[in-house]
PDB file of N, CA and C in Angstrom:
ATOM      1  N   MET A   1     -12.499 -16.499 -14.297  1.00  0.00           N
ATOM      2  CA  MET A   1     -11.985 -15.351 -15.006  1.00  0.00           C
ATOM      3  C   MET A   1     -10.922 -15.842 -15.981  1.00  0.00           C
ATOM      4  N   PRO A   2     -11.001 -15.495 -17.285  1.00  0.00           N
ATOM      5  CA  PRO A   2     -10.025 -15.947 -18.249  1.00  0.00           C
ATOM      6  C   PRO A   2      -8.635 -15.445 -17.905  1.00  0.00           C
ATOM      7  N   GLY A   3      -7.663 -16.279 -18.114  1.00  0.00           N
ATOM      8  CA  GLY A   3      -6.286 -15.916 -17.858  1.00  0.00           C
ATOM      9  C   GLY A   3      -5.865 -16.024 -16.410  1.00  0.00           C
ATOM     10  N   LYS A   4      -6.798 -16.229 -15.498  1.00  0.00           N
ATOM     11  CA  LYS A   4      -6.478 -16.348 -14.081  1.00  0.00           C
ATOM     12  C   LYS A   4      -5.958 -17.747 -13.810  1.00  0.00           C
ATOM     13  N   LYS A   5      -4.802 -17.824 -13.173  1.00  0.00           N
ATOM     14  CA  LYS A   5      -4.231 -19.114 -12.818  1.00  0.00           C
ATOM     15  C   LYS A   5      -4.793 -19.554 -11.479  1.00  0.00           C
ATOM     16  N   PRO A   6      -5.139 -20.873 -11.349  1.00  0.00           N
ATOM     17  CA  PRO A   6      -5.677 -21.330 -10.066  1.00  0.00           C
ATOM     18  C   PRO A   6      -4.611 -21.253  -8.977  1.00  0.00           C
ATOM     19  N   SER A   7      -5.041 -20.903  -7.762  1.00  0.00           N
ATOM     20  CA  SER A   7      -4.102 -20.870  -6.640  1.00  0.00           C
ATOM     21  C   SER A   7      -3.816 -22.295  -6.213  1.00  0.00           C
ATOM     22  N   ALA A   8      -2.920 -22.470  -5.257  1.00  0.00           N
ATOM     23  CA  ALA A   8      -2.489 -23.800  -4.824  1.00  0.00           C
ATOM     24  C   ALA A   8      -3.648 -24.657  -4.344  1.00  0.00           C
ATOM     25  N   GLY A   9      -4.669 -24.071  -3.727  1.00  0.00           N
ATOM     26  CA  GLY A   9      -5.795 -24.836  -3.203  1.00  0.00           C
ATOM     27  C   GLY A   9      -6.891 -25.112  -4.231  1.00  0.00           C
ATOM     28  N   GLU A  10      -6.841 -24.413  -5.369  1.00  0.00           N
ATOM     29  CA  GLU A  10      -7.877 -24.570  -6.385  1.00  0.00           C
ATOM     30  C   GLU A  10      -7.442 -25.573  -7.445  1.00  0.00           C
ATOM     31  N   GLN A  11      -8.420 -26.204  -8.050  1.00  0.00           N
ATOM     32  CA  GLN A  11      -8.135 -27.077  -9.183  1.00  0.00           C
ATOM     33  C   GLN A  11      -8.491 -26.330 -10.456  1.00  0.00           C
ATOM     34  N   SER A  12      -7.692 -26.555 -11.491  1.00  0.00           N
ATOM     35  CA  SER A  12      -8.025 -25.920 -12.756  1.00  0.00           C
ATOM     36  C   SER A  12      -9.188 -26.670 -13.387  1.00  0.00           C
ATOM     37  N   PRO A  13     -10.014 -25.983 -14.165  1.00  0.00           N
ATOM     38  CA  PRO A  13     -11.168 -26.657 -14.770  1.00  0.00           C
ATOM     39  C   PRO A  13     -10.708 -27.710 -15.768  1.00  0.00           C
ATOM     40  N   VAL A  14     -11.484 -28.781 -15.854  1.00  0.00           N
ATOM     41  CA  VAL A  14     -11.187 -29.846 -16.796  1.00  0.00           C
ATOM     42  C   VAL A  14     -11.665 -29.409 -18.164  1.00  0.00           C
ATOM     43  N   ARG A  15     -10.821 -29.554 -19.158  1.00  0.00           N
ATOM     44  CA  ARG A  15     -11.195 -29.176 -20.518  1.00  0.00           C
ATOM     45  C   ARG A  15     -11.367 -30.441 -21.327  1.00  0.00           C
ATOM     46  N   LEU A  16     -12.561 -30.666 -21.834  1.00  0.00           N
ATOM     47  CA  LEU A  16     -12.835 -31.853 -22.610  1.00  0.00           C
ATOM     48  C   LEU A  16     -12.615 -31.629 -24.093  1.00  0.00           C
ATOM     49  N   SER A  17     -12.539 -30.406 -24.520  1.00  0.00           N
ATOM     50  CA  SER A  17     -12.359 -30.112 -25.925  1.00  0.00           C
ATOM     51  C   SER A  17     -11.568 -28.835 -26.066  1.00  0.00           C
ATOM     52  N   THR A  18     -10.789 -28.768 -27.105  1.00  0.00           N
ATOM     53  CA  THR A  18     -10.058 -27.533 -27.360  1.00  0.00           C
ATOM     54  C   THR A  18     -10.684 -26.771 -28.512  1.00  0.00           C
ATOM     55  N   TRP A  19     -11.929 -27.099 -28.861  1.00  0.00           N
ATOM     56  CA  TRP A  19     -12.623 -26.431 -29.959  1.00  0.00           C
ATOM     57  C   TRP A  19     -12.622 -24.918 -29.764  1.00  0.00           C
ATOM     58  N   ASP A  20     -12.862 -24.459 -28.528  1.00  0.00           N
ATOM     59  CA  ASP A  20     -12.913 -23.022 -28.276  1.00  0.00           C
ATOM     60  C   ASP A  20     -11.596 -22.347 -28.598  1.00  0.00           C
ATOM     61  N   ASP A  21     -10.488 -23.077 -28.419  1.00  0.00           N
ATOM     62  CA  ASP A  21      -9.174 -22.499 -28.644  1.00  0.00           C
ATOM     63  C   ASP A  21      -8.685 -22.654 -30.076  1.00  0.00           C
ATOM     64  N   GLU A  22      -9.305 -23.525 -30.829  1.00  0.00           N
ATOM     65  CA  GLU A  22      -8.774 -23.851 -32.138  1.00  0.00           C
ATOM     66  C   GLU A  22      -9.681 -23.402 -33.272  1.00  0.00           C
ATOM     67  N   GLY A  23     -10.092 -22.180 -33.231  1.00  0.00           N
ATOM     68  CA  GLY A  23     -10.795 -21.614 -34.359  1.00  0.00           C
ATOM     69  C   GLY A  23     -12.284 -21.867 -34.398  1.00  0.00           C
ATOM     70  N   ALA A  24     -12.935 -21.786 -33.269  1.00  0.00           N
ATOM     71  CA  ALA A  24     -14.381 -21.948 -33.253  1.00  0.00           C
ATOM     72  C   ALA A  24     -15.059 -20.862 -34.078  1.00  0.00           C
ATOM     73  N   GLU A  25     -14.350 -19.730 -34.242  1.00  0.00           N
ATOM     74  CA  GLU A  25     -14.943 -18.651 -35.015  1.00  0.00           C
ATOM     75  C   GLU A  25     -14.961 -18.961 -36.505  1.00  0.00           C
ATOM     76  N   LYS A  26     -14.177 -19.919 -36.935  1.00  0.00           N
ATOM     77  CA  LYS A  26     -14.155 -20.303 -38.340  1.00  0.00           C
ATOM     78  C   LYS A  26     -15.307 -21.257 -38.615  1.00  0.00           C
ATOM     79  N   SER A  27     -15.987 -21.027 -39.698  1.00  0.00           N
ATOM     80  CA  SER A  27     -17.068 -21.943 -40.043  1.00  0.00           C
ATOM     81  C   SER A  27     -16.529 -23.046 -40.943  1.00  0.00           C
ATOM     82  N   LEU A  28     -17.157 -24.220 -40.851  1.00  0.00           N
ATOM     83  CA  LEU A  28     -16.780 -25.327 -41.705  1.00  0.00           C
ATOM     84  C   LEU A  28     -17.484 -25.155 -43.038  1.00  0.00           C
ATOM     85  N   ASP A  29     -16.727 -25.207 -44.117  1.00  0.00           N
ATOM     86  CA  ASP A  29     -17.377 -25.065 -45.410  1.00  0.00           C
ATOM     87  C   ASP A  29     -17.814 -26.424 -45.954  1.00  0.00           C
ATOM     88  N   ALA A  30     -18.688 -26.397 -46.914  1.00  0.00           N
ATOM     89  CA  ALA A  30     -19.273 -27.622 -47.467  1.00  0.00           C
ATOM     90  C   ALA A  30     -18.210 -28.532 -48.084  1.00  0.00           C
ATOM     91  N   GLU A  31     -17.123 -27.975 -48.565  1.00  0.00           N
ATOM     92  CA  GLU A  31     -16.077 -28.782 -49.196  1.00  0.00           C
ATOM     93  C   GLU A  31     -15.452 -29.775 -48.219  1.00  0.00           C
ATOM     94  N   ALA A  32     -15.366 -29.402 -46.951  1.00  0.00           N
ATOM     95  CA  ALA A  32     -14.780 -30.293 -45.947  1.00  0.00           C
ATOM     96  C   ALA A  32     -15.594 -31.564 -45.800  1.00  0.00           C
ATOM     97  N   PHE A  33     -16.909 -31.484 -46.067  1.00  0.00           N
ATOM     98  CA  PHE A  33     -17.771 -32.646 -45.921  1.00  0.00           C
ATOM     99  C   PHE A  33     -17.991 -33.386 -47.240  1.00  0.00           C
ATOM    100  N   SER A  34     -17.798 -32.702 -48.359  1.00  0.00           N
ATOM    101  CA  SER A  34     -18.057 -33.340 -49.639  1.00  0.00           C
ATOM    102  C   SER A  34     -16.882 -34.172 -50.126  1.00  0.00           C
ATOM    103  N   SER A  35     -15.677 -33.822 -49.745  1.00  0.00           N
ATOM    104  CA  SER A  35     -14.521 -34.591 -50.200  1.00  0.00           C
ATOM    105  C   SER A  35     -13.499 -34.751 -49.071  1.00  0.00           C
ATOM    106  N   PRO A  36     -13.843 -35.548 -48.058  1.00  0.00           N
ATOM    107  CA  PRO A  36     -12.887 -35.732 -46.954  1.00  0.00           C
ATOM    108  C   PRO A  36     -11.668 -36.508 -47.439  1.00  0.00           C
ATOM    109  N   PRO A  37     -10.525 -36.268 -46.825  1.00  0.00           N
ATOM    110  CA  PRO A  37      -9.324 -36.997 -47.237  1.00  0.00           C
ATOM    111  C   PRO A  37      -9.448 -38.479 -46.896  1.00  0.00           C
ATOM    112  N   GLU A  38      -8.857 -39.307 -47.709  1.00  0.00           N
ATOM    113  CA  GLU A  38      -8.857 -40.741 -47.454  1.00  0.00           C
ATOM    114  C   GLU A  38      -8.030 -41.028 -46.199  1.00  0.00           C
ATOM    115  N   LEU A  39      -8.515 -41.970 -45.386  1.00  0.00           N
ATOM    116  CA  LEU A  39      -7.774 -42.375 -44.199  1.00  0.00           C
ATOM    117  C   LEU A  39      -6.746 -43.428 -44.597  1.00  0.00           C
ATOM    118  N   THR A  40      -5.599 -43.356 -43.962  1.00  0.00           N
ATOM    119  CA  THR A  40      -4.581 -44.383 -44.201  1.00  0.00           C
ATOM    120  C   THR A  40      -4.951 -45.630 -43.424  1.00  0.00           C
ATOM    121  N   ASN A  41      -4.326 -46.740 -43.751  1.00  0.00           N
ATOM    122  CA  ASN A  41      -4.582 -47.979 -43.029  1.00  0.00           C
ATOM    123  C   ASN A  41      -4.252 -47.812 -41.544  1.00  0.00           C
ATOM    124  N   THR A  42      -3.169 -47.141 -41.247  1.00  0.00           N
ATOM    125  CA  THR A  42      -2.778 -46.914 -39.846  1.00  0.00           C
ATOM    126  C   THR A  42      -3.848 -46.119 -39.112  1.00  0.00           C
ATOM    127  N   GLU A  43      -4.386 -45.075 -39.755  1.00  0.00           N
ATOM    128  CA  GLU A  43      -5.439 -44.283 -39.126  1.00  0.00           C
ATOM    129  C   GLU A  43      -6.695 -45.119 -38.904  1.00  0.00           C
ATOM    130  N   LEU A  44      -7.039 -45.972 -39.858  1.00  0.00           N
ATOM    131  CA  LEU A  44      -8.205 -46.838 -39.701  1.00  0.00           C
ATOM    132  C   LEU A  44      -8.019 -47.824 -38.555  1.00  0.00           C
ATOM    133  N   VAL A  45      -6.818 -48.379 -38.414  1.00  0.00           N
ATOM    134  CA  VAL A  45      -6.543 -49.312 -37.319  1.00  0.00           C
ATOM    135  C   VAL A  45      -6.666 -48.590 -35.984  1.00  0.00           C
ATOM    136  N   HIS A  46      -6.086 -47.389 -35.881  1.00  0.00           N
ATOM    137  CA  HIS A  46      -6.182 -46.621 -34.632  1.00  0.00           C
ATOM    138  C   HIS A  46      -7.629 -46.267 -34.326  1.00  0.00           C
ATOM    139  N   LEU A  47      -8.394 -45.898 -35.341  1.00  0.00           N
ATOM    140  CA  LEU A  47      -9.802 -45.582 -35.138  1.00  0.00           C
ATOM    141  C   LEU A  47     -10.564 -46.803 -34.656  1.00  0.00           C
ATOM    142  N   ARG A  48     -10.299 -47.942 -35.235  1.00  0.00           N
ATOM    143  CA  ARG A  48     -10.965 -49.183 -34.818  1.00  0.00           C
ATOM    144  C   ARG A  48     -10.647 -49.511 -33.364  1.00  0.00           C
ATOM    145  N   VAL A  49      -9.387 -49.374 -32.973  1.00  0.00           N
ATOM    146  CA  VAL A  49      -8.977 -49.654 -31.595  1.00  0.00           C
ATOM    147  C   VAL A  49      -9.691 -48.708 -30.633  1.00  0.00           C
ATOM    148  N   ARG A  50      -9.782 -47.443 -30.993  1.00  0.00           N
ATOM    149  CA  ARG A  50     -10.441 -46.477 -30.128  1.00  0.00           C
ATOM    150  C   ARG A  50     -11.932 -46.769 -29.998  1.00  0.00           C
ATOM    151  N   VAL A  51     -12.572 -47.173 -31.086  1.00  0.00           N
ATOM    152  CA  VAL A  51     -14.000 -47.497 -31.029  1.00  0.00           C
ATOM    153  C   VAL A  51     -14.227 -48.718 -30.149  1.00  0.00           C
ATOM    154  N   ILE A  52     -13.379 -49.732 -30.266  1.00  0.00           N
ATOM    155  CA  ILE A  52     -13.496 -50.926 -29.421  1.00  0.00           C
ATOM    156  C   ILE A  52     -13.320 -50.543 -27.951  1.00  0.00           C
ATOM    157  N   ALA A  53     -12.340 -49.694 -27.671  1.00  0.00           N
ATOM    158  CA  ALA A  53     -12.112 -49.254 -26.287  1.00  0.00           C
ATOM    159  C   ALA A  53     -13.325 -48.486 -25.761  1.00  0.00           C
ATOM    160  N   LEU A  54     -13.865 -47.583 -26.557  1.00  0.00           N
ATOM    161  CA  LEU A  54     -15.042 -46.822 -26.123  1.00  0.00           C
ATOM    162  C   LEU A  54     -16.249 -47.724 -25.912  1.00  0.00           C
ATOM    163  N   GLU A  55     -16.440 -48.690 -26.801  1.00  0.00           N
ATOM    164  CA  GLU A  55     -17.554 -49.618 -26.642  1.00  0.00           C
ATOM    165  C   GLU A  55     -17.442 -50.379 -25.322  1.00  0.00           C
ATOM    166  N   ASN A  56     -16.255 -50.842 -25.015  1.00  0.00           N
ATOM    167  CA  ASN A  56     -16.055 -51.582 -23.766  1.00  0.00           C
ATOM    168  C   ASN A  56     -16.204 -50.688 -22.540  1.00  0.00           C
ATOM    169  N   LEU A  57     -15.783 -49.433 -22.638  1.00  0.00           N
ATOM    170  CA  LEU A  57     -15.992 -48.498 -21.527  1.00  0.00           C
ATOM    171  C   LEU A  57     -17.476 -48.244 -21.302  1.00  0.00           C
ATOM    172  N   VAL A  58     -18.245 -48.091 -22.373  1.00  0.00           N
ATOM    173  CA  VAL A  58     -19.686 -47.876 -22.242  1.00  0.00           C
ATOM    174  C   VAL A  58     -20.331 -49.090 -21.593  1.00  0.00           C
ATOM    175  N   ILE A  59     -19.935 -50.290 -22.016  1.00  0.00           N
ATOM    176  CA  ILE A  59     -20.491 -51.512 -21.421  1.00  0.00           C
ATOM    177  C   ILE A  59     -20.139 -51.583 -19.937  1.00  0.00           C
ATOM    178  N   ALA A  60     -18.905 -51.230 -19.588  1.00  0.00           N
ATOM    179  CA  ALA A  60     -18.511 -51.225 -18.177  1.00  0.00           C
ATOM    180  C   ALA A  60     -19.358 -50.235 -17.381  1.00  0.00           C
ATOM    181  N   LEU A  61     -19.606 -49.059 -17.936  1.00  0.00           N
ATOM    182  CA  LEU A  61     -20.440 -48.071 -17.247  1.00  0.00           C
ATOM    183  C   LEU A  61     -21.880 -48.548 -17.129  1.00  0.00           C
ATOM    184  N   LEU A  62     -22.403 -49.159 -18.185  1.00  0.00           N
ATOM    185  CA  LEU A  62     -23.759 -49.698 -18.126  1.00  0.00           C
ATOM    186  C   LEU A  62     -23.876 -50.810 -17.095  1.00  0.00           C
ATOM    187  N   THR A  63     -22.813 -51.575 -16.920  1.00  0.00           N
ATOM    188  CA  THR A  63     -22.819 -52.654 -15.936  1.00  0.00           C
ATOM    189  C   THR A  63     -23.063 -52.108 -14.537  1.00  0.00           C
ATOM    190  N   GLN A  64     -22.552 -50.922 -14.260  1.00  0.00           N
ATOM    191  CA  GLN A  64     -22.728 -50.300 -12.955  1.00  0.00           C
ATOM    192  C   GLN A  64     -23.975 -49.418 -12.891  1.00  0.00           C
ATOM    193  N   GLY A  65     -24.686 -49.306 -14.001  1.00  0.00           N
ATOM    194  CA  GLY A  65     -25.868 -48.449 -14.060  1.00  0.00           C
ATOM    195  C   GLY A  65     -27.076 -49.084 -13.379  1.00  0.00           C
ATOM    196  N   SER A  66     -28.042 -48.257 -13.110  1.00  0.00           N
ATOM    197  CA  SER A  66     -29.286 -48.729 -12.490  1.00  0.00           C
ATOM    198  C   SER A  66     -30.163 -49.389 -13.553  1.00  0.00           C
ATOM    199  N   ASP A  67     -31.180 -50.087 -13.091  1.00  0.00           N
ATOM    200  CA  ASP A  67     -32.140 -50.679 -14.025  1.00  0.00           C
ATOM    201  C   ASP A  67     -32.800 -49.590 -14.868  1.00  0.00           C
ATOM    202  N   GLN A  68     -33.056 -48.452 -14.265  1.00  0.00           N
ATOM    203  CA  GLN A  68     -33.661 -47.335 -14.992  1.00  0.00           C
ATOM    204  C   GLN A  68     -32.725 -46.842 -16.101  1.00  0.00           C
ATOM    205  N   GLN A  69     -31.422 -46.762 -15.826  1.00  0.00           N
ATOM    206  CA  GLN A  69     -30.474 -46.318 -16.843  1.00  0.00           C
ATOM    207  C   GLN A  69     -30.396 -47.309 -18.000  1.00  0.00           C
ATOM    208  N   LEU A  70     -30.453 -48.603 -17.689  1.00  0.00           N
ATOM    209  CA  LEU A  70     -30.456 -49.609 -18.749  1.00  0.00           C
ATOM    210  C   LEU A  70     -31.727 -49.498 -19.584  1.00  0.00           C
ATOM    211  N   ALA A  71     -32.849 -49.232 -18.918  1.00  0.00           N
ATOM    212  CA  ALA A  71     -34.109 -49.070 -19.644  1.00  0.00           C
ATOM    213  C   ALA A  71     -34.057 -47.852 -20.567  1.00  0.00           C
ATOM    214  N   VAL A  72     -33.447 -46.780 -20.103  1.00  0.00           N
ATOM    215  CA  VAL A  72     -33.318 -45.579 -20.928  1.00  0.00           C
ATOM    216  C   VAL A  72     -32.434 -45.869 -22.141  1.00  0.00           C
ATOM    217  N   ALA A  73     -31.361 -46.623 -21.950  1.00  0.00           N
ATOM    218  CA  ALA A  73     -30.494 -46.986 -23.079  1.00  0.00           C
ATOM    219  C   ALA A  73     -31.271 -47.800 -24.107  1.00  0.00           C
ATOM    220  N   ARG A  74     -32.074 -48.738 -23.644  1.00  0.00           N
ATOM    221  CA  ARG A  74     -32.911 -49.533 -24.562  1.00  0.00           C
ATOM    222  C   ARG A  74     -33.945 -48.646 -25.263  1.00  0.00           C
ATOM    223  N   GLU A  75     -34.523 -47.720 -24.507  1.00  0.00           N
ATOM    224  CA  GLU A  75     -35.508 -46.809 -25.085  1.00  0.00           C
ATOM    225  C   GLU A  75     -34.870 -45.948 -26.174  1.00  0.00           C
ATOM    226  N   MET A  76     -33.650 -45.492 -25.930  1.00  0.00           N
ATOM    227  CA  MET A  76     -32.953 -44.690 -26.926  1.00  0.00           C
ATOM    228  C   MET A  76     -32.677 -45.509 -28.183  1.00  0.00           C
ATOM    229  N   ALA A  77     -32.308 -46.769 -28.024  1.00  0.00           N
ATOM    230  CA  ALA A  77     -32.079 -47.638 -29.185  1.00  0.00           C
ATOM    231  C   ALA A  77     -33.366 -47.784 -29.984  1.00  0.00           C
ATOM    232  N   ALA A  78     -34.484 -47.944 -29.301  1.00  0.00           N
ATOM    233  CA  ALA A  78     -35.770 -48.054 -29.988  1.00  0.00           C
ATOM    234  C   ALA A  78     -36.149 -46.728 -30.650  1.00  0.00           C
ATOM    235  N   TYR A  79     -35.767 -45.632 -30.010  1.00  0.00           N
ATOM    236  CA  TYR A  79     -36.103 -44.306 -30.529  1.00  0.00           C
ATOM    237  C   TYR A  79     -35.392 -44.033 -31.851  1.00  0.00           C
ATOM    238  N   ILE A  80     -34.143 -44.476 -31.998  1.00  0.00           N
ATOM    239  CA  ILE A  80     -33.414 -44.186 -33.238  1.00  0.00           C
ATOM    240  C   ILE A  80     -33.768 -45.158 -34.352  1.00  0.00           C
ATOM    241  N   SER A  81     -34.510 -46.214 -34.040  1.00  0.00           N
ATOM    242  CA  SER A  81     -34.977 -47.111 -35.091  1.00  0.00           C
ATOM    243  C   SER A  81     -35.984 -46.351 -35.956  1.00  0.00           C
ATOM    244  N   PRO A  82     -35.998 -46.649 -37.237  1.00  0.00           N
ATOM    245  CA  PRO A  82     -36.908 -45.921 -38.133  1.00  0.00           C
ATOM    246  C   PRO A  82     -38.373 -46.098 -37.738  1.00  0.00           C
ATOM    247  N   ARG A  83     -39.132 -45.040 -37.865  1.00  0.00           N
ATOM    248  CA  ARG A  83     -40.558 -45.055 -37.582  1.00  0.00           C
ATOM    249  C   ARG A  83     -41.333 -45.550 -38.806  1.00  0.00           C
ATOM    250  N   PRO A  84     -42.512 -46.087 -38.597  1.00  0.00           N
ATOM    251  CA  PRO A  84     -43.330 -46.503 -39.743  1.00  0.00           C
ATOM    252  C   PRO A  84     -43.527 -45.343 -40.721  1.00  0.00           C
ATOM    253  N   GLY A  85     -43.339 -45.625 -41.980  1.00  0.00           N
ATOM    254  CA  GLY A  85     -43.491 -44.603 -43.008  1.00  0.00           C
ATOM    255  C   GLY A  85     -42.208 -43.879 -43.362  1.00  0.00           C
ATOM    256  N   PHE A  86     -41.157 -44.078 -42.587  1.00  0.00           N
ATOM    257  CA  PHE A  86     -39.878 -43.441 -42.870  1.00  0.00           C
ATOM    258  C   PHE A  86     -38.931 -44.452 -43.502  1.00  0.00           C
ATOM    259  N   THR A  87     -37.944 -43.960 -44.219  1.00  0.00           N
ATOM    260  CA  THR A  87     -36.966 -44.830 -44.860  1.00  0.00           C
ATOM    261  C   THR A  87     -36.142 -45.538 -43.807  1.00  0.00           C
ATOM    262  N   GLN A  88     -36.023 -46.828 -43.963  1.00  0.00           N
ATOM    263  CA  GLN A  88     -35.220 -47.605 -43.017  1.00  0.00           C
ATOM    264  C   GLN A  88     -33.777 -47.656 -43.527  1.00  0.00           C
ATOM    265  N   HIS A  89     -32.946 -46.813 -42.943  1.00  0.00           N
ATOM    266  CA  HIS A  89     -31.545 -46.753 -43.345  1.00  0.00           C
ATOM    267  C   HIS A  89     -30.788 -47.880 -42.660  1.00  0.00           C
ATOM    268  N   PRO A  90     -30.062 -48.709 -43.399  1.00  0.00           N
ATOM    269  CA  PRO A  90     -29.366 -49.853 -42.808  1.00  0.00           C
ATOM    270  C   PRO A  90     -28.411 -49.484 -41.667  1.00  0.00           C
ATOM    271  N   LEU A  91     -27.706 -48.362 -41.778  1.00  0.00           N
ATOM    272  CA  LEU A  91     -26.772 -47.983 -40.710  1.00  0.00           C
ATOM    273  C   LEU A  91     -27.507 -47.610 -39.429  1.00  0.00           C
ATOM    274  N   THR A  92     -28.658 -46.954 -39.548  1.00  0.00           N
ATOM    275  CA  THR A  92     -29.453 -46.601 -38.370  1.00  0.00           C
ATOM    276  C   THR A  92     -29.973 -47.858 -37.691  1.00  0.00           C
ATOM    277  N   ILE A  93     -30.476 -48.780 -38.484  1.00  0.00           N
ATOM    278  CA  ILE A  93     -30.976 -50.042 -37.939  1.00  0.00           C
ATOM    279  C   ILE A  93     -29.846 -50.797 -37.238  1.00  0.00           C
ATOM    280  N   HIS A  94     -28.678 -50.821 -37.860  1.00  0.00           N
ATOM    281  CA  HIS A  94     -27.532 -51.522 -37.268  1.00  0.00           C
ATOM    282  C   HIS A  94     -27.078 -50.828 -35.979  1.00  0.00           C
ATOM    283  N   ALA A  95     -27.081 -49.496 -35.964  1.00  0.00           N
ATOM    284  CA  ALA A  95     -26.674 -48.757 -34.758  1.00  0.00           C
ATOM    285  C   ALA A  95     -27.616 -49.056 -33.601  1.00  0.00           C
ATOM    286  N   ALA A  96     -28.908 -49.090 -33.873  1.00  0.00           N
ATOM    287  CA  ALA A  96     -29.889 -49.396 -32.822  1.00  0.00           C
ATOM    288  C   ALA A  96     -29.671 -50.804 -32.290  1.00  0.00           C
ATOM    289  N   ALA A  97     -29.404 -51.748 -33.192  1.00  0.00           N
ATOM    290  CA  ALA A  97     -29.151 -53.135 -32.764  1.00  0.00           C
ATOM    291  C   ALA A  97     -27.874 -53.219 -31.926  1.00  0.00           C
ATOM    292  N   GLN A  98     -26.844 -52.461 -32.292  1.00  0.00           N
ATOM    293  CA  GLN A  98     -25.593 -52.453 -31.522  1.00  0.00           C
ATOM    294  C   GLN A  98     -25.817 -51.880 -30.130  1.00  0.00           C
ATOM    295  N   MET A  99     -26.639 -50.847 -30.022  1.00  0.00           N
ATOM    296  CA  MET A  99     -26.937 -50.266 -28.711  1.00  0.00           C
ATOM    297  C   MET A  99     -27.627 -51.291 -27.820  1.00  0.00           C
ATOM    298  N   SER A 100     -28.627 -51.964 -28.373  1.00  0.00           N
ATOM    299  CA  SER A 100     -29.336 -52.991 -27.596  1.00  0.00           C
ATOM    300  C   SER A 100     -28.397 -54.114 -27.203  1.00  0.00           C
ATOM    301  N   ASP A 101     -27.511 -54.496 -28.107  1.00  0.00           N
ATOM    302  CA  ASP A 101     -26.542 -55.550 -27.816  1.00  0.00           C
ATOM    303  C   ASP A 101     -25.601 -55.130 -26.683  1.00  0.00           C
ATOM    304  N   SER A 102     -25.212 -53.865 -26.658  1.00  0.00           N
ATOM    305  CA  SER A 102     -24.338 -53.372 -25.584  1.00  0.00           C
ATOM    306  C   SER A 102     -25.034 -53.456 -24.230  1.00  0.00           C
ATOM    307  N   VAL A 103     -26.314 -53.123 -24.200  1.00  0.00           N
ATOM    308  CA  VAL A 103     -27.084 -53.228 -22.943  1.00  0.00           C
ATOM    309  C   VAL A 103     -27.186 -54.692 -22.534  1.00  0.00           C
ATOM    310  N   ASP A 104     -27.454 -55.580 -23.494  1.00  0.00           N
ATOM    311  CA  ASP A 104     -27.515 -57.018 -23.198  1.00  0.00           C
ATOM    312  C   ASP A 104     -26.194 -57.512 -22.613  1.00  0.00           C
ATOM    313  N   ARG A 105     -25.087 -57.087 -23.216  1.00  0.00           N
ATOM    314  CA  ARG A 105     -23.767 -57.511 -22.727  1.00  0.00           C
ATOM    315  C   ARG A 105     -23.516 -57.001 -21.315  1.00  0.00           C
ATOM    316  N   ALA A 106     -23.925 -55.771 -21.046  1.00  0.00           N
ATOM    317  CA  ALA A 106     -23.758 -55.201 -19.707  1.00  0.00           C
ATOM    318  C   ALA A 106     -24.578 -55.982 -18.685  1.00  0.00           C
ATOM    319  N   GLU A 107     -25.810 -56.338 -19.054  1.00  0.00           N
ATOM    320  CA  GLU A 107     -26.657 -57.104 -18.130  1.00  0.00           C
ATOM    321  C   GLU A 107     -26.074 -58.491 -17.870  1.00  0.00           C
ATOM    322  N   ARG A 108     -25.560 -59.140 -18.903  1.00  0.00           N
ATOM    323  CA  ARG A 108     -24.932 -60.457 -18.701  1.00  0.00           C
ATOM    324  C   ARG A 108     -23.711 -60.343 -17.796  1.00  0.00           C
ATOM    325  N   PHE A 109     -22.907 -59.299 -17.994  1.00  0.00           N
ATOM    326  CA  PHE A 109     -21.726 -59.115 -17.161  1.00  0.00           C
ATOM    327  C   PHE A 109     -22.120 -58.808 -15.728  1.00  0.00           C
ATOM    328  N   ARG A 110     -23.180 -58.018 -15.552  1.00  0.00           N
ATOM    329  CA  ARG A 110     -23.645 -57.666 -14.208  1.00  0.00           C
ATOM    330  C   ARG A 110     -24.106 -58.930 -13.473  1.00  0.00           C
ATOM    331  N   LYS A 111     -24.873 -59.778 -14.149  1.00  0.00           N
ATOM    332  CA  LYS A 111     -25.353 -61.016 -13.533  1.00  0.00           C
ATOM    333  C   LYS A 111     -24.193 -61.940 -13.174  1.00  0.00           C
ATOM    334  N   ARG A 112     -23.191 -62.012 -14.038  1.00  0.00           N
ATOM    335  CA  ARG A 112     -22.036 -62.851 -13.771  1.00  0.00           C
ATOM    336  C   ARG A 112     -21.244 -62.329 -12.581  1.00  0.00           C
ATOM    337  N   SER A 113     -21.148 -61.007 -12.452  1.00  0.00           N
ATOM    338  CA  SER A 113     -20.411 -60.397 -11.333  1.00  0.00           C
ATOM    339  C   SER A 113     -21.119 -60.599 -10.004  1.00  0.00           C
ATOM    340  N   GLN A 114     -22.457 -60.672 -10.033  1.00  0.00           N
ATOM    341  CA  GLN A 114     -23.234 -60.818  -8.801  1.00  0.00           C
ATOM    342  C   GLN A 114     -23.231 -62.242  -8.274  1.00  0.00           C
ATOM    343  N   SER A 115     -22.950 -63.210  -9.140  1.00  0.00           N
ATOM    344  CA  SER A 115     -22.995 -64.602  -8.663  1.00  0.00           C
ATOM    345  C   SER A 115     -21.665 -65.072  -8.126  1.00  0.00           C
TER     346      SER A 115
END
């Protein structure tokens, strides 16, 4: 129930995004996507650090994943690769290769941990 505070024995729900609270009713106009503000060097450095951290967290999670989960990750990488007859976009090709590389790294780490 909205506005209800959890009692001492209850846990409050985990909120992963505040989108609902921050103007979900507002639509994004095309101008926001056509001319985004330039990022400062500091913002780019912070973004790079966060991406590296997320990549390593994904690899750590894949390391603990089942063989089936690793296969699904590889399948997804193959799925996003361009299909015959479609334009091969360099960023898509690179993203698929990065996904496969992450699975490879997880498998190498898993083998090293088991020995």
